[in-house]
């Protein structure tokens, strides 16, 4: 992997303010339309605590709860370089050390936690 690329996995929770209000687990967007940003953040925080406490693995949580299609790969987005992701997502990923998990990150897609994997 070239040195200017990073690799990350993430968990995305979409909400009313998300750009696309549908996902693989909510194709009609019924849940997403009724999810406030605050409740999306609260859900992510509790998922992050489960991961931090060792109760659950990041990949397992991502595959169950993430609104991104990357859920099928345990949240893995593969390697990416600068300019490929939304700016807040990119900046957060580059700021992490490998194995670290971000705080809550807001993008047009929704709210995320990101784990840098490479």
PDB file of N, CA and C in Angstrom:
ATOM      1  N   UNK A   1       0.866  -1.190   0.000  1.00  0.00           N
ATOM      2  CA  UNK A   1       0.000   0.000   0.000  1.00  0.00           C
ATOM      3  C   UNK A   1       0.899   1.235   0.000  1.00  0.00           C
ATOM      4  N   UNK A   2       0.676   2.159  -0.892  1.00  0.00           N
ATOM      5  CA  UNK A   2       1.562   3.323  -0.959  1.00  0.00           C
ATOM      6  C   UNK A   2       1.403   4.179   0.292  1.00  0.00           C
ATOM      7  N   UNK A   3       2.456   4.886   0.651  1.00  0.00           N
ATOM      8  CA  UNK A   3       2.531   5.533   1.957  1.00  0.00           C
ATOM      9  C   UNK A   3       1.502   6.654   2.141  1.00  0.00           C
ATOM     10  N   UNK A   4       0.978   7.202   1.042  1.00  0.00           N
ATOM     11  CA  UNK A   4       0.019   8.291   1.216  1.00  0.00           C
ATOM     12  C   UNK A   4      -1.423   7.791   1.292  1.00  0.00           C
ATOM     13  N   UNK A   5      -1.595   6.473   1.270  1.00  0.00           N
ATOM     14  CA  UNK A   5      -2.944   5.929   1.409  1.00  0.00           C
ATOM     15  C   UNK A   5      -3.149   5.412   2.824  1.00  0.00           C
ATOM     16  N   UNK A   6      -4.388   5.404   3.244  1.00  0.00           N
ATOM     17  CA  UNK A   6      -4.743   4.833   4.535  1.00  0.00           C
ATOM     18  C   UNK A   6      -5.804   3.761   4.271  1.00  0.00           C
ATOM     19  N   UNK A   7      -6.033   2.953   5.277  1.00  0.00           N
ATOM     20  CA  UNK A   7      -7.119   1.989   5.176  1.00  0.00           C
ATOM     21  C   UNK A   7      -7.943   2.107   6.445  1.00  0.00           C
ATOM     22  N   UNK A   8      -9.247   2.025   6.296  1.00  0.00           N
ATOM     23  CA  UNK A   8     -10.109   2.197   7.463  1.00  0.00           C
ATOM     24  C   UNK A   8     -11.378   1.378   7.335  1.00  0.00           C
ATOM     25  N   UNK A   9     -11.961   1.115   8.481  1.00  0.00           N
ATOM     26  CA  UNK A   9     -13.305   0.550   8.563  1.00  0.00           C
ATOM     27  C   UNK A   9     -14.163   1.582   9.296  1.00  0.00           C
ATOM     28  N   UNK A  10     -15.453   1.549   9.053  1.00  0.00           N
ATOM     29  CA  UNK A  10     -16.299   2.510   9.771  1.00  0.00           C
ATOM     30  C   UNK A  10     -17.667   1.918  10.034  1.00  0.00           C
ATOM     31  N   UNK A  11     -18.347   2.575  10.949  1.00  0.00           N
ATOM     32  CA  UNK A  11     -19.753   2.276  11.223  1.00  0.00           C
ATOM     33  C   UNK A  11     -20.498   3.582  10.972  1.00  0.00           C
ATOM     34  N   UNK A  12     -21.466   3.527  10.077  1.00  0.00           N
ATOM     35  CA  UNK A  12     -22.256   4.706   9.709  1.00  0.00           C
ATOM     36  C   UNK A  12     -23.673   4.530  10.227  1.00  0.00           C
ATOM     37  N   UNK A  13     -24.165   5.530  10.920  1.00  0.00           N
ATOM     38  CA  UNK A  13     -25.581   5.567  11.278  1.00  0.00           C
ATOM     39  C   UNK A  13     -26.185   6.777  10.568  1.00  0.00           C
ATOM     40  N   UNK A  14     -27.145   6.488   9.705  1.00  0.00           N
ATOM     41  CA  UNK A  14     -27.808   7.583   8.976  1.00  0.00           C
ATOM     42  C   UNK A  14     -28.923   8.163   9.827  1.00  0.00           C
ATOM     43  N   UNK A  15     -29.294   9.403   9.523  1.00  0.00           N
ATOM     44  CA  UNK A  15     -30.360  10.086  10.264  1.00  0.00           C
ATOM     45  C   UNK A  15     -31.102  11.033   9.331  1.00  0.00           C
ATOM     46  N   UNK A  16     -32.056  11.760   9.902  1.00  0.00           N
ATOM     47  CA  UNK A  16     -32.912  12.665   9.105  1.00  0.00           C
ATOM     48  C   UNK A  16     -32.127  13.644   8.257  1.00  0.00           C
ATOM     49  N   UNK A  17     -30.950  14.028   8.727  1.00  0.00           N
ATOM     50  CA  UNK A  17     -30.159  15.012   7.993  1.00  0.00           C
ATOM     51  C   UNK A  17     -29.244  14.399   6.947  1.00  0.00           C
ATOM     52  N   UNK A  18     -29.269  13.082   6.807  1.00  0.00           N
ATOM     53  CA  UNK A  18     -28.376  12.419   5.858  1.00  0.00           C
ATOM     54  C   UNK A  18     -28.784  12.720   4.422  1.00  0.00           C
ATOM     55  N   UNK A  19     -27.781  12.759   3.574  1.00  0.00           N
ATOM     56  CA  UNK A  19     -27.985  13.061   2.166  1.00  0.00           C
ATOM     57  C   UNK A  19     -28.898  12.011   1.507  1.00  0.00           C
ATOM     58  N   UNK A  20     -28.587  10.736   1.711  1.00  0.00           N
ATOM     59  CA  UNK A  20     -29.436   9.661   1.167  1.00  0.00           C
ATOM     60  C   UNK A  20     -30.111   8.947   2.319  1.00  0.00           C
ATOM     61  N   UNK A  21     -31.431   9.006   2.348  1.00  0.00           N
ATOM     62  CA  UNK A  21     -32.154   8.446   3.484  1.00  0.00           C
ATOM     63  C   UNK A  21     -32.618   7.022   3.206  1.00  0.00           C
ATOM     64  N   UNK A  22     -31.675   6.185   2.805  1.00  0.00           N
ATOM     65  CA  UNK A  22     -31.978   4.766   2.603  1.00  0.00           C
ATOM     66  C   UNK A  22     -30.672   4.017   2.764  1.00  0.00           C
ATOM     67  N   UNK A  23     -30.764   2.753   3.117  1.00  0.00           N
ATOM     68  CA  UNK A  23     -29.554   1.948   3.212  1.00  0.00           C
ATOM     69  C   UNK A  23     -29.907   0.491   2.951  1.00  0.00           C
ATOM     70  N   UNK A  24     -28.889  -0.350   2.900  1.00  0.00           N
ATOM     71  CA  UNK A  24     -29.117  -1.772   2.636  1.00  0.00           C
ATOM     72  C   UNK A  24     -30.062  -2.392   3.663  1.00  0.00           C
ATOM     73  N   UNK A  25     -30.036  -1.909   4.910  1.00  0.00           N
ATOM     74  CA  UNK A  25     -30.914  -2.514   5.910  1.00  0.00           C
ATOM     75  C   UNK A  25     -32.219  -1.738   6.091  1.00  0.00           C
ATOM     76  N   UNK A  26     -32.332  -0.624   5.423  1.00  0.00           N
ATOM     77  CA  UNK A  26     -33.540   0.206   5.517  1.00  0.00           C
ATOM     78  C   UNK A  26     -33.828   0.798   4.132  1.00  0.00           C
ATOM     79  N   UNK A  27     -34.145  -0.080   3.149  1.00  0.00           N
ATOM     80  CA  UNK A  27     -34.256   0.384   1.749  1.00  0.00           C
ATOM     81  C   UNK A  27     -35.315   1.460   1.544  1.00  0.00           C
ATOM     82  N   UNK A  28     -36.363   1.451   2.359  1.00  0.00           N
ATOM     83  CA  UNK A  28     -37.413   2.473   2.231  1.00  0.00           C
ATOM     84  C   UNK A  28     -37.075   3.728   3.029  1.00  0.00           C
ATOM     85  N   UNK A  29     -36.077   3.626   3.875  1.00  0.00           N
ATOM     86  CA  UNK A  29     -35.672   4.780   4.676  1.00  0.00           C
ATOM     87  C   UNK A  29     -36.595   5.101   5.836  1.00  0.00           C
ATOM     88  N   UNK A  30     -37.471   4.152   6.207  1.00  0.00           N
ATOM     89  CA  UNK A  30     -38.444   4.449   7.274  1.00  0.00           C
ATOM     90  C   UNK A  30     -37.780   4.694   8.623  1.00  0.00           C
ATOM     91  N   UNK A  31     -36.770   3.893   8.944  1.00  0.00           N
ATOM     92  CA  UNK A  31     -36.072   4.079  10.217  1.00  0.00           C
ATOM     93  C   UNK A  31     -35.242   5.365  10.166  1.00  0.00           C
ATOM     94  N   UNK A  32     -34.522   5.527   9.060  1.00  0.00           N
ATOM     95  CA  UNK A  32     -33.631   6.687   8.920  1.00  0.00           C
ATOM     96  C   UNK A  32     -34.407   7.999   9.012  1.00  0.00           C
ATOM     97  N   UNK A  33     -35.569   8.058   8.362  1.00  0.00           N
ATOM     98  CA  UNK A  33     -36.383   9.284   8.374  1.00  0.00           C
ATOM     99  C   UNK A  33     -36.820   9.653   9.789  1.00  0.00           C
ATOM    100  N   UNK A  34     -36.896   8.649  10.663  1.00  0.00           N
ATOM    101  CA  UNK A  34     -37.356   8.898  12.030  1.00  0.00           C
ATOM    102  C   UNK A  34     -36.221   8.926  13.042  1.00  0.00           C
ATOM    103  N   UNK A  35     -34.985   8.914  12.556  1.00  0.00           N
ATOM    104  CA  UNK A  35     -33.833   8.938  13.450  1.00  0.00           C
ATOM    105  C   UNK A  35     -33.267  10.353  13.507  1.00  0.00           C
ATOM    106  N   UNK A  36     -33.236  10.930  14.695  1.00  0.00           N
ATOM    107  CA  UNK A  36     -32.630  12.254  14.839  1.00  0.00           C
ATOM    108  C   UNK A  36     -31.117  12.082  14.877  1.00  0.00           C
ATOM    109  N   UNK A  37     -30.395  13.166  14.628  1.00  0.00           N
ATOM    110  CA  UNK A  37     -28.941  13.095  14.731  1.00  0.00           C
ATOM    111  C   UNK A  37     -28.544  12.696  16.148  1.00  0.00           C
ATOM    112  N   UNK A  38     -29.230  13.269  17.138  1.00  0.00           N
ATOM    113  CA  UNK A  38     -28.905  12.954  18.531  1.00  0.00           C
ATOM    114  C   UNK A  38     -29.053  11.466  18.841  1.00  0.00           C
ATOM    115  N   UNK A  39     -30.115  10.858  18.341  1.00  0.00           N
ATOM    116  CA  UNK A  39     -30.285   9.434  18.641  1.00  0.00           C
ATOM    117  C   UNK A  39     -29.277   8.588  17.863  1.00  0.00           C
ATOM    118  N   UNK A  40     -28.899   9.035  16.671  1.00  0.00           N
ATOM    119  CA  UNK A  40     -27.859   8.336  15.904  1.00  0.00           C
ATOM    120  C   UNK A  40     -26.530   8.398  16.658  1.00  0.00           C
ATOM    121  N   UNK A  41     -26.207   9.569  17.205  1.00  0.00           N
ATOM    122  CA  UNK A  41     -24.975   9.748  17.978  1.00  0.00           C
ATOM    123  C   UNK A  41     -25.010   8.880  19.238  1.00  0.00           C
ATOM    124  N   UNK A  42     -26.150   8.859  19.916  1.00  0.00           N
ATOM    125  CA  UNK A  42     -26.284   8.053  21.138  1.00  0.00           C
ATOM    126  C   UNK A  42     -26.075   6.576  20.826  1.00  0.00           C
ATOM    127  N   UNK A  43     -26.640   6.128  19.707  1.00  0.00           N
ATOM    128  CA  UNK A  43     -26.474   4.723  19.310  1.00  0.00           C
ATOM    129  C   UNK A  43     -24.999   4.416  19.041  1.00  0.00           C
ATOM    130  N   UNK A  44     -24.348   5.309  18.301  1.00  0.00           N
ATOM    131  CA  UNK A  44     -22.927   5.100  17.988  1.00  0.00           C
ATOM    132  C   UNK A  44     -22.077   5.078  19.257  1.00  0.00           C
ATOM    133  N   UNK A  45     -22.383   5.978  20.185  1.00  0.00           N
ATOM    134  CA  UNK A  45     -21.605   6.035  21.430  1.00  0.00           C
ATOM    135  C   UNK A  45     -21.718   4.715  22.189  1.00  0.00           C
ATOM    136  N   UNK A  46     -22.916   4.153  22.252  1.00  0.00           N
ATOM    137  CA  UNK A  46     -23.060   2.899  22.988  1.00  0.00           C
ATOM    138  C   UNK A  46     -22.391   1.751  22.239  1.00  0.00           C
ATOM    139  N   UNK A  47     -22.421   1.778  20.909  1.00  0.00           N
ATOM    140  CA  UNK A  47     -21.715   0.749  20.124  1.00  0.00           C
ATOM    141  C   UNK A  47     -20.212   0.871  20.353  1.00  0.00           C
ATOM    142  N   UNK A  48     -19.726   2.111  20.389  1.00  0.00           N
ATOM    143  CA  UNK A  48     -18.290   2.328  20.604  1.00  0.00           C
ATOM    144  C   UNK A  48     -17.867   1.812  21.983  1.00  0.00           C
ATOM    145  N   UNK A  49     -18.728   2.000  22.971  1.00  0.00           N
ATOM    146  CA  UNK A  49     -18.423   1.499  24.310  1.00  0.00           C
ATOM    147  C   UNK A  49     -18.336  -0.024  24.323  1.00  0.00           C
ATOM    148  N   UNK A  50     -19.248  -0.676  23.593  1.00  0.00           N
ATOM    149  CA  UNK A  50     -19.207  -2.142  23.503  1.00  0.00           C
ATOM    150  C   UNK A  50     -17.873  -2.605  22.919  1.00  0.00           C
ATOM    151  N   UNK A  51     -17.416  -1.898  21.887  1.00  0.00           N
ATOM    152  CA  UNK A  51     -16.140  -2.256  21.243  1.00  0.00           C
ATOM    153  C   UNK A  51     -14.985  -1.992  22.209  1.00  0.00           C
ATOM    154  N   UNK A  52     -14.998  -0.818  22.841  1.00  0.00           N
ATOM    155  CA  UNK A  52     -13.917  -0.434  23.755  1.00  0.00           C
ATOM    156  C   UNK A  52     -13.815  -1.385  24.948  1.00  0.00           C
ATOM    157  N   UNK A  53     -14.964  -1.869  25.416  1.00  0.00           N
ATOM    158  CA  UNK A  53     -14.954  -2.742  26.595  1.00  0.00           C
ATOM    159  C   UNK A  53     -14.604  -4.179  26.225  1.00  0.00           C
ATOM    160  N   UNK A  54     -14.537  -4.454  24.917  1.00  0.00           N
ATOM    161  CA  UNK A  54     -14.205  -5.804  24.479  1.00  0.00           C
ATOM    162  C   UNK A  54     -15.407  -6.727  24.400  1.00  0.00           C
ATOM    163  N   UNK A  55     -16.607  -6.184  24.627  1.00  0.00           N
ATOM    164  CA  UNK A  55     -17.834  -6.979  24.546  1.00  0.00           C
ATOM    165  C   UNK A  55     -18.107  -7.416  23.116  1.00  0.00           C
ATOM    166  N   UNK A  56     -17.717  -6.576  22.160  1.00  0.00           N
ATOM    167  CA  UNK A  56     -17.999  -6.865  20.757  1.00  0.00           C
ATOM    168  C   UNK A  56     -16.841  -6.403  19.890  1.00  0.00           C
ATOM    169  N   UNK A  57     -16.693  -7.046  18.744  1.00  0.00           N
ATOM    170  CA  UNK A  57     -15.656  -6.662  17.784  1.00  0.00           C
ATOM    171  C   UNK A  57     -16.208  -5.596  16.843  1.00  0.00           C
ATOM    172  N   UNK A  58     -15.326  -4.686  16.432  1.00  0.00           N
ATOM    173  CA  UNK A  58     -15.703  -3.617  15.506  1.00  0.00           C
ATOM    174  C   UNK A  58     -16.410  -4.201  14.279  1.00  0.00           C
ATOM    175  N   UNK A  59     -15.792  -5.252  13.679  1.00  0.00           N
ATOM    176  CA  UNK A  59     -16.329  -5.835  12.429  1.00  0.00           C
ATOM    177  C   UNK A  59     -17.744  -6.371  12.637  1.00  0.00           C
ATOM    178  N   UNK A  60     -17.970  -7.016  13.794  1.00  0.00           N
ATOM    179  CA  UNK A  60     -19.294  -7.603  14.040  1.00  0.00           C
ATOM    180  C   UNK A  60     -20.355  -6.524  14.200  1.00  0.00           C
ATOM    181  N   UNK A  61     -19.985  -5.475  14.930  1.00  0.00           N
ATOM    182  CA  UNK A  61     -20.911  -4.345  15.119  1.00  0.00           C
ATOM    183  C   UNK A  61     -21.204  -3.690  13.770  1.00  0.00           C
ATOM    184  N   UNK A  62     -20.148  -3.467  12.983  1.00  0.00           N
ATOM    185  CA  UNK A  62     -20.326  -2.835  11.668  1.00  0.00           C
ATOM    186  C   UNK A  62     -21.258  -3.668  10.797  1.00  0.00           C
ATOM    187  N   UNK A  63     -21.044  -4.983  10.784  1.00  0.00           N
ATOM    188  CA  UNK A  63     -21.852  -5.802   9.871  1.00  0.00           C
ATOM    189  C   UNK A  63     -23.312  -5.844  10.308  1.00  0.00           C
ATOM    190  N   UNK A  64     -23.565  -5.631  11.591  1.00  0.00           N
ATOM    191  CA  UNK A  64     -24.958  -5.623  12.070  1.00  0.00           C
ATOM    192  C   UNK A  64     -25.612  -4.260  11.986  1.00  0.00           C
ATOM    193  N   UNK A  65     -24.874  -3.199  12.310  1.00  0.00           N
ATOM    194  CA  UNK A  65     -25.517  -1.902  12.522  1.00  0.00           C
ATOM    195  C   UNK A  65     -25.206  -0.825  11.484  1.00  0.00           C
ATOM    196  N   UNK A  66     -24.113  -0.948  10.754  1.00  0.00           N
ATOM    197  CA  UNK A  66     -23.732   0.141   9.861  1.00  0.00           C
ATOM    198  C   UNK A  66     -24.715   0.284   8.707  1.00  0.00           C
ATOM    199  N   UNK A  67     -25.044   1.535   8.377  1.00  0.00           N
ATOM    200  CA  UNK A  67     -25.920   1.815   7.237  1.00  0.00           C
ATOM    201  C   UNK A  67     -25.151   1.871   5.918  1.00  0.00           C
ATOM    202  N   UNK A  68     -23.848   1.658   5.954  1.00  0.00           N
ATOM    203  CA  UNK A  68     -23.039   1.666   4.730  1.00  0.00           C
ATOM    204  C   UNK A  68     -22.981   0.257   4.159  1.00  0.00           C
ATOM    205  N   UNK A  69     -22.912   0.157   2.837  1.00  0.00           N
ATOM    206  CA  UNK A  69     -22.823  -1.176   2.215  1.00  0.00           C
ATOM    207  C   UNK A  69     -21.528  -1.885   2.599  1.00  0.00           C
ATOM    208  N   UNK A  70     -20.543  -1.138   3.126  1.00  0.00           N
ATOM    209  CA  UNK A  70     -19.304  -1.759   3.597  1.00  0.00           C
ATOM    210  C   UNK A  70     -19.570  -2.679   4.795  1.00  0.00           C
ATOM    211  N   UNK A  71     -20.765  -2.616   5.361  1.00  0.00           N
ATOM    212  CA  UNK A  71     -21.140  -3.495   6.478  1.00  0.00           C
ATOM    213  C   UNK A  71     -20.890  -4.963   6.116  1.00  0.00           C
ATOM    214  N   UNK A  72     -21.128  -5.287   4.849  1.00  0.00           N
ATOM    215  CA  UNK A  72     -20.938  -6.673   4.393  1.00  0.00           C
ATOM    216  C   UNK A  72     -19.481  -7.115   4.523  1.00  0.00           C
ATOM    217  N   UNK A  73     -18.570  -6.155   4.607  1.00  0.00           N
ATOM    218  CA  UNK A  73     -17.142  -6.462   4.790  1.00  0.00           C
ATOM    219  C   UNK A  73     -16.670  -6.051   6.182  1.00  0.00           C
ATOM    220  N   UNK A  74     -17.586  -6.035   7.134  1.00  0.00           N
ATOM    221  CA  UNK A  74     -17.226  -5.643   8.496  1.00  0.00           C
ATOM    222  C   UNK A  74     -16.853  -4.181   8.605  1.00  0.00           C
ATOM    223  N   UNK A  75     -17.356  -3.380   7.674  1.00  0.00           N
ATOM    224  CA  UNK A  75     -17.096  -1.937   7.695  1.00  0.00           C
ATOM    225  C   UNK A  75     -15.858  -1.518   6.918  1.00  0.00           C
ATOM    226  N   UNK A  76     -15.152  -2.492   6.348  1.00  0.00           N
ATOM    227  CA  UNK A  76     -13.881  -2.187   5.658  1.00  0.00           C
ATOM    228  C   UNK A  76     -14.121  -1.400   4.378  1.00  0.00           C
ATOM    229  N   UNK A  77     -13.452  -0.249   4.276  1.00  0.00           N
ATOM    230  CA  UNK A  77     -13.555   0.589   3.078  1.00  0.00           C
ATOM    231  C   UNK A  77     -12.384   0.363   2.128  1.00  0.00           C
ATOM    232  N   UNK A  78     -11.409  -0.439   2.555  1.00  0.00           N
ATOM    233  CA  UNK A  78     -10.225  -0.640   1.724  1.00  0.00           C
ATOM    234  C   UNK A  78      -9.338   0.588   1.772  1.00  0.00           C
ATOM    235  N   UNK A  79      -8.228   0.558   1.032  1.00  0.00           N
ATOM    236  CA  UNK A  79      -7.299   1.690   1.038  1.00  0.00           C
ATOM    237  C   UNK A  79      -7.869   2.884   0.262  1.00  0.00           C
ATOM    238  N   UNK A  80      -7.604   4.070   0.748  1.00  0.00           N
ATOM    239  CA  UNK A  80      -7.983   5.269  -0.008  1.00  0.00           C
ATOM    240  C   UNK A  80      -6.982   6.380   0.239  1.00  0.00           C
ATOM    241  N   UNK A  81      -6.928   7.299  -0.702  1.00  0.00           N
ATOM    242  CA  UNK A  81      -6.012   8.431  -0.599  1.00  0.00           C
ATOM    243  C   UNK A  81      -6.775   9.715  -0.334  1.00  0.00           C
ATOM    244  N   UNK A  82      -6.039  10.796  -0.262  1.00  0.00           N
ATOM    245  CA  UNK A  82      -6.672  12.093  -0.022  1.00  0.00           C
ATOM    246  C   UNK A  82      -7.565  12.471  -1.193  1.00  0.00           C
ATOM    247  N   UNK A  83      -8.691  13.111  -0.865  1.00  0.00           N
ATOM    248  CA  UNK A  83      -9.608  13.575  -1.908  1.00  0.00           C
ATOM    249  C   UNK A  83     -10.632  12.535  -2.333  1.00  0.00           C
ATOM    250  N   UNK A  84     -10.598  11.334  -1.737  1.00  0.00           N
ATOM    251  CA  UNK A  84     -11.560  10.296  -2.139  1.00  0.00           C
ATOM    252  C   UNK A  84     -12.781  10.224  -1.230  1.00  0.00           C
ATOM    253  N   UNK A  85     -12.618  10.711  -0.009  1.00  0.00           N
ATOM    254  CA  UNK A  85     -13.715  10.661   0.968  1.00  0.00           C
ATOM    255  C   UNK A  85     -14.140  12.089   1.300  1.00  0.00           C
ATOM    256  N   UNK A  86     -15.298  12.214   1.968  1.00  0.00           N
ATOM    257  CA  UNK A  86     -15.698  13.541   2.423  1.00  0.00           C
ATOM    258  C   UNK A  86     -14.635  14.053   3.399  1.00  0.00           C
ATOM    259  N   UNK A  87     -14.401  15.368   3.334  1.00  0.00           N
ATOM    260  CA  UNK A  87     -13.286  15.981   4.069  1.00  0.00           C
ATOM    261  C   UNK A  87     -13.231  15.610   5.560  1.00  0.00           C
ATOM    262  N   UNK A  88     -14.334  15.730   6.314  1.00  0.00           N
ATOM    263  CA  UNK A  88     -14.230  15.414   7.745  1.00  0.00           C
ATOM    264  C   UNK A  88     -13.828  13.959   7.987  1.00  0.00           C
ATOM    265  N   UNK A  89     -14.297  13.075   7.110  1.00  0.00           N
ATOM    266  CA  UNK A  89     -13.985  11.648   7.230  1.00  0.00           C
ATOM    267  C   UNK A  89     -12.502  11.421   6.952  1.00  0.00           C
ATOM    268  N   UNK A  90     -12.041  12.033   5.876  1.00  0.00           N
ATOM    269  CA  UNK A  90     -10.628  11.914   5.496  1.00  0.00           C
ATOM    270  C   UNK A  90      -9.722  12.441   6.606  1.00  0.00           C
ATOM    271  N   UNK A  91     -10.020  13.640   7.096  1.00  0.00           N
ATOM    272  CA  UNK A  91      -9.168  14.248   8.115  1.00  0.00           C
ATOM    273  C   UNK A  91      -9.118  13.405   9.374  1.00  0.00           C
ATOM    274  N   UNK A  92     -10.265  12.880   9.777  1.00  0.00           N
ATOM    275  CA  UNK A  92     -10.318  12.047  10.987  1.00  0.00           C
ATOM    276  C   UNK A  92      -9.489  10.780  10.795  1.00  0.00           C
ATOM    277  N   UNK A  93      -9.599  10.167   9.633  1.00  0.00           N
ATOM    278  CA  UNK A  93      -8.873   8.912   9.383  1.00  0.00           C
ATOM    279  C   UNK A  93      -7.374   9.137   9.403  1.00  0.00           C
ATOM    280  N   UNK A  94      -6.914  10.180   8.722  1.00  0.00           N
ATOM    281  CA  UNK A  94      -5.478  10.461   8.675  1.00  0.00           C
ATOM    282  C   UNK A  94      -4.921  10.823  10.056  1.00  0.00           C
ATOM    283  N   UNK A  95      -5.782  11.348  10.925  1.00  0.00           N
ATOM    284  CA  UNK A  95      -5.326  11.751  12.261  1.00  0.00           C
ATOM    285  C   UNK A  95      -5.191  10.559  13.218  1.00  0.00           C
ATOM    286  N   UNK A  96      -5.832   9.445  12.880  1.00  0.00           N
ATOM    287  CA  UNK A  96      -5.803   8.267  13.758  1.00  0.00           C
ATOM    288  C   UNK A  96      -4.519   7.472  13.581  1.00  0.00           C
ATOM    289  N   UNK A  97      -4.125   6.779  14.636  1.00  0.00           N
ATOM    290  CA  UNK A  97      -3.067   5.771  14.506  1.00  0.00           C
ATOM    291  C   UNK A  97      -3.749   4.453  14.138  1.00  0.00           C
ATOM    292  N   UNK A  98      -3.005   3.552  13.533  1.00  0.00           N
ATOM    293  CA  UNK A  98      -3.562   2.248  13.179  1.00  0.00           C
ATOM    294  C   UNK A  98      -4.085   1.569  14.445  1.00  0.00           C
ATOM    295  N   UNK A  99      -5.328   1.077  14.358  1.00  0.00           N
ATOM    296  CA  UNK A  99      -5.949   0.412  15.501  1.00  0.00           C
ATOM    297  C   UNK A  99      -6.776   1.341  16.374  1.00  0.00           C
ATOM    298  N   UNK A 100      -6.629   2.652  16.159  1.00  0.00           N
ATOM    299  CA  UNK A 100      -7.393   3.631  16.944  1.00  0.00           C
ATOM    300  C   UNK A 100      -8.780   3.832  16.361  1.00  0.00           C
ATOM    301  N   UNK A 101      -9.721   4.180  17.225  1.00  0.00           N
ATOM    302  CA  UNK A 101     -11.095   4.461  16.802  1.00  0.00           C
ATOM    303  C   UNK A 101     -11.396   5.930  17.067  1.00  0.00           C
ATOM    304  N   UNK A 102     -12.019   6.570  16.089  1.00  0.00           N
ATOM    305  CA  UNK A 102     -12.301   8.008  16.184  1.00  0.00           C
ATOM    306  C   UNK A 102     -13.447   8.293  17.146  1.00  0.00           C
ATOM    307  N   UNK A 103     -13.590   9.575  17.458  1.00  0.00           N
ATOM    308  CA  UNK A 103     -14.814  10.049  18.085  1.00  0.00           C
ATOM    309  C   UNK A 103     -15.889  10.078  17.004  1.00  0.00           C
ATOM    310  N   UNK A 104     -17.042  10.605  17.341  1.00  0.00           N
ATOM    311  CA  UNK A 104     -18.140  10.712  16.377  1.00  0.00           C
ATOM    312  C   UNK A 104     -17.761  11.724  15.294  1.00  0.00           C
ATOM    313  N   UNK A 105     -17.875  11.324  14.044  1.00  0.00           N
ATOM    314  CA  UNK A 105     -17.562  12.195  12.908  1.00  0.00           C
ATOM    315  C   UNK A 105     -18.844  12.429  12.113  1.00  0.00           C
ATOM    316  N   UNK A 106     -19.135  13.698  11.849  1.00  0.00           N
ATOM    317  CA  UNK A 106     -20.311  14.063  11.046  1.00  0.00           C
ATOM    318  C   UNK A 106     -19.925  14.266   9.596  1.00  0.00           C
ATOM    319  N   UNK A 107     -20.679  13.645   8.672  1.00  0.00           N
ATOM    320  CA  UNK A 107     -20.543  13.977   7.249  1.00  0.00           C
ATOM    321  C   UNK A 107     -21.946  14.121   6.665  1.00  0.00           C
ATOM    322  N   UNK A 108     -22.014  14.429   5.382  1.00  0.00           N
ATOM    323  CA  UNK A 108     -23.320  14.518   4.708  1.00  0.00           C
ATOM    324  C   UNK A 108     -24.034  13.166   4.704  1.00  0.00           C
ATOM    325  N   UNK A 109     -23.281  12.093   4.901  1.00  0.00           N
ATOM    326  CA  UNK A 109     -23.879  10.755   4.881  1.00  0.00           C
ATOM    327  C   UNK A 109     -24.557  10.403   6.197  1.00  0.00           C
ATOM    328  N   UNK A 110     -24.061  10.965   7.298  1.00  0.00           N
ATOM    329  CA  UNK A 110     -24.594  10.638   8.615  1.00  0.00           C
ATOM    330  C   UNK A 110     -23.487  10.776   9.648  1.00  0.00           C
ATOM    331  N   UNK A 111     -23.582   9.992  10.725  1.00  0.00           N
ATOM    332  CA  UNK A 111     -22.540  10.020  11.754  1.00  0.00           C
ATOM    333  C   UNK A 111     -21.773   8.703  11.724  1.00  0.00           C
ATOM    334  N   UNK A 112     -20.469   8.794  11.949  1.00  0.00           N
ATOM    335  CA  UNK A 112     -19.604   7.636  11.830  1.00  0.00           C
ATOM    336  C   UNK A 112     -18.698   7.507  13.044  1.00  0.00           C
ATOM    337  N   UNK A 113     -18.227   6.283  13.289  1.00  0.00           N
ATOM    338  CA  UNK A 113     -16.974   6.094  14.016  1.00  0.00           C
ATOM    339  C   UNK A 113     -16.078   5.339  13.045  1.00  0.00           C
ATOM    340  N   UNK A 114     -14.818   5.698  13.069  1.00  0.00           N
ATOM    341  CA  UNK A 114     -13.857   5.168  12.102  1.00  0.00           C
ATOM    342  C   UNK A 114     -12.737   4.453  12.860  1.00  0.00           C
ATOM    343  N   UNK A 115     -12.359   3.293  12.367  1.00  0.00           N
ATOM    344  CA  UNK A 115     -11.181   2.627  12.903  1.00  0.00           C
ATOM    345  C   UNK A 115     -10.150   2.542  11.786  1.00  0.00           C
ATOM    346  N   UNK A 116      -8.989   3.130  12.058  1.00  0.00           N
ATOM    347  CA  UNK A 116      -7.920   3.058  11.055  1.00  0.00           C
ATOM    348  C   UNK A 116      -7.274   1.673  11.113  1.00  0.00           C
ATOM    349  N   UNK A 117      -7.165   1.028   9.975  1.00  0.00           N
ATOM    350  CA  UNK A 117      -6.645  -0.335   9.953  1.00  0.00           C
ATOM    351  C   UNK A 117      -5.329  -0.438   9.185  1.00  0.00           C
ATOM    352  N   UNK A 118      -4.931   0.656   8.528  1.00  0.00           N
ATOM    353  CA  UNK A 118      -3.666   0.599   7.792  1.00  0.00           C
ATOM    354  C   UNK A 118      -3.265   1.964   7.289  1.00  0.00           C
TER     355      UNK A 118
END
